[in-house]
Amino acid sequence: MVQSIGEGLELLMRSGIQLDLPALFNNWMHGSVVRSWLIELIGRALSQNPDLHPLSTYVEGTGEVKWVLEWAMKADIPTPVIGMSQLALMEDRDLDMLSSKAVALLRNQYGGHPVHRVAEGLHRE
């Protein structure tokens, strides 16, 4: 869900249409089929960080998803979406995409992960 919201935000920001994104997400929170706590969080994050360009895509990992994937593989339980989310998190650390920056903002909102600026020079673990 987080990755999908990030990709949707990138589509909106690159559409060429002038949008008030915090207001758009706020509107979606009231009676729209896409309303959710994550939509509320990205709306809040965009209000606090209207310009995503100076943000880094780097988000620290907690290791929880890697642990779940290892356990699932040992138990022969297919987890393709969880696996893809872990790959996306690792890939996002090396990109300068708006969707990756939106994911970093969302992880800050629900998980307390720090939001980094590009100048901090964080790199892939």
Protein backbone atom coordinates (compact mmCIF):
# COMPACT_ATOMS: atom_id res chain seq x y z
CA MET A 1 0.00 0.00 0.00
CA VAL A 2 2.78 2.40 0.89
CA GLN A 3 4.56 1.81 -2.42
CA SER A 4 1.29 2.25 -4.34
CA ILE A 5 0.60 5.56 -2.62
CA GLY A 6 4.14 6.71 -3.41
CA GLU A 7 3.78 5.78 -7.08
CA GLY A 8 0.37 7.48 -7.28
CA LEU A 9 1.84 10.62 -5.75
CA GLU A 10 4.61 10.59 -8.34
CA LEU A 11 2.01 10.30 -11.12
CA LEU A 12 0.10 13.26 -9.70
CA MET A 13 3.22 15.41 -9.24
CA ARG A 14 4.46 14.70 -12.78
CA SER A 15 1.05 15.10 -14.45
CA GLY A 16 1.69 18.71 -15.41
CA ILE A 17 -1.52 19.69 -13.62
CA GLN A 18 -1.23 22.22 -10.80
CA LEU A 19 -2.62 20.40 -7.75
CA ASP A 20 -2.91 21.22 -4.07
CA LEU A 21 -1.80 17.76 -2.99
CA PRO A 22 -2.45 18.10 0.77
CA ALA A 23 -5.99 19.29 -0.04
CA LEU A 24 -6.47 16.47 -2.55
CA PHE A 25 -5.45 13.83 -0.02
CA ASN A 26 -7.65 15.50 2.61
CA ASN A 27 -10.57 15.31 0.19
CA TRP A 28 -9.91 11.61 -0.34
CA MET A 29 -10.17 11.11 3.41
CA HIS A 30 -13.82 12.19 3.37
CA GLY A 31 -16.07 9.83 1.44
CA SER A 32 -13.68 8.52 -1.18
CA VAL A 33 -13.06 4.87 -1.93
CA VAL A 34 -9.31 5.41 -1.31
CA ARG A 35 -9.66 6.80 2.20
CA SER A 36 -7.36 5.20 4.73
CA TRP A 37 -5.01 6.01 7.57
CA LEU A 38 -2.10 5.94 5.10
CA ILE A 39 -3.82 8.52 2.89
CA GLU A 40 -4.30 10.68 5.98
CA LEU A 41 -0.61 10.29 6.85
CA ILE A 42 0.67 11.23 3.38
CA GLY A 43 -1.63 14.26 3.39
CA ARG A 44 -0.17 15.34 6.73
CA ALA A 45 3.38 14.65 5.55
CA LEU A 46 2.85 16.70 2.38
CA SER A 47 1.50 19.59 4.46
CA GLN A 48 4.71 19.48 6.51
CA ASN A 49 6.99 18.84 3.48
CA PRO A 50 5.42 20.45 0.40
CA ASP A 51 8.67 20.23 -1.60
CA LEU A 52 9.92 16.67 -1.87
CA HIS A 53 13.00 17.52 -3.93
CA PRO A 54 15.41 18.17 -1.02
CA LEU A 55 14.39 14.92 0.69
CA SER A 56 16.46 11.77 0.56
CA THR A 57 14.87 8.44 -0.39
CA TYR A 58 16.90 6.65 2.29
CA VAL A 59 14.90 4.93 5.03
CA GLU A 60 16.50 2.79 7.69
CA GLY A 61 15.33 -0.79 7.82
CA THR A 62 14.34 -2.47 11.07
CA GLY A 63 15.03 -5.98 9.83
CA GLU A 64 11.46 -7.11 10.58
CA VAL A 65 10.53 -7.70 6.96
CA LYS A 66 13.73 -9.61 6.27
CA TRP A 67 13.01 -11.80 9.29
CA VAL A 68 9.45 -12.48 8.09
CA LEU A 69 10.69 -13.34 4.60
CA GLU A 70 13.31 -15.73 5.94
CA TRP A 71 10.73 -17.42 8.16
CA ALA A 72 8.19 -17.64 5.33
CA MET A 73 10.74 -19.20 3.00
CA LYS A 74 11.69 -21.82 5.62
CA ALA A 75 7.99 -22.58 6.12
CA ASP A 76 7.32 -22.68 2.34
CA ILE A 77 4.76 -19.88 2.60
CA PRO A 78 4.61 -17.72 -0.53
CA THR A 79 4.89 -13.99 0.22
CA PRO A 80 5.44 -12.30 -3.16
CA VAL A 81 4.03 -8.89 -2.17
CA ILE A 82 6.04 -8.71 1.05
CA GLY A 83 9.14 -9.77 -0.91
CA MET A 84 8.56 -7.08 -3.52
CA SER A 85 8.05 -4.47 -0.80
CA GLN A 86 11.44 -5.36 0.69
CA LEU A 87 13.07 -5.13 -2.74
CA ALA A 88 11.39 -1.76 -3.33
CA LEU A 89 12.66 -0.46 0.02
CA MET A 90 16.23 -1.47 -0.83
CA GLU A 91 15.94 -0.09 -4.37
CA ASP A 92 14.44 3.20 -3.16
CA ARG A 93 17.60 3.94 -1.21
CA ASP A 94 19.49 4.53 -4.45
CA LEU A 95 16.91 6.52 -6.41
CA ASP A 96 15.89 10.14 -6.68
CA MET A 97 12.25 9.42 -7.45
CA LEU A 98 9.37 11.35 -5.93
CA SER A 99 7.56 8.07 -5.21
CA SER A 100 10.54 6.93 -3.12
CA LYS A 101 10.51 10.21 -1.21
CA ALA A 102 6.79 9.78 -0.56
CA VAL A 103 7.50 6.29 0.83
CA ALA A 104 10.14 7.83 3.12
CA LEU A 105 7.59 10.38 4.35
CA LEU A 106 4.99 7.68 5.00
CA ARG A 107 7.45 5.51 6.90
CA ASN A 108 8.21 8.56 9.04
CA GLN A 109 4.52 9.10 9.73
CA TYR A 110 3.62 5.56 10.78
CA GLY A 111 6.96 4.14 11.90
CA GLY A 112 8.86 7.14 13.17
CA HIS A 113 11.74 6.60 10.73
CA PRO A 114 13.73 9.82 10.32
CA VAL A 115 13.25 11.89 7.16
CA HIS A 116 16.65 12.65 5.69
CA ARG A 117 17.70 15.47 3.39
CA VAL A 118 19.80 14.81 0.29
CA ALA A 119 22.73 16.77 1.73
CA GLU A 120 23.08 14.25 4.58
CA GLY A 121 24.79 11.89 2.13
CA LEU A 122 23.23 8.65 3.33
CA HIS A 123 23.89 5.66 1.16
CA ARG A 124 22.70 2.12 0.85
CA GLU A 125 23.57 -0.17 3.75
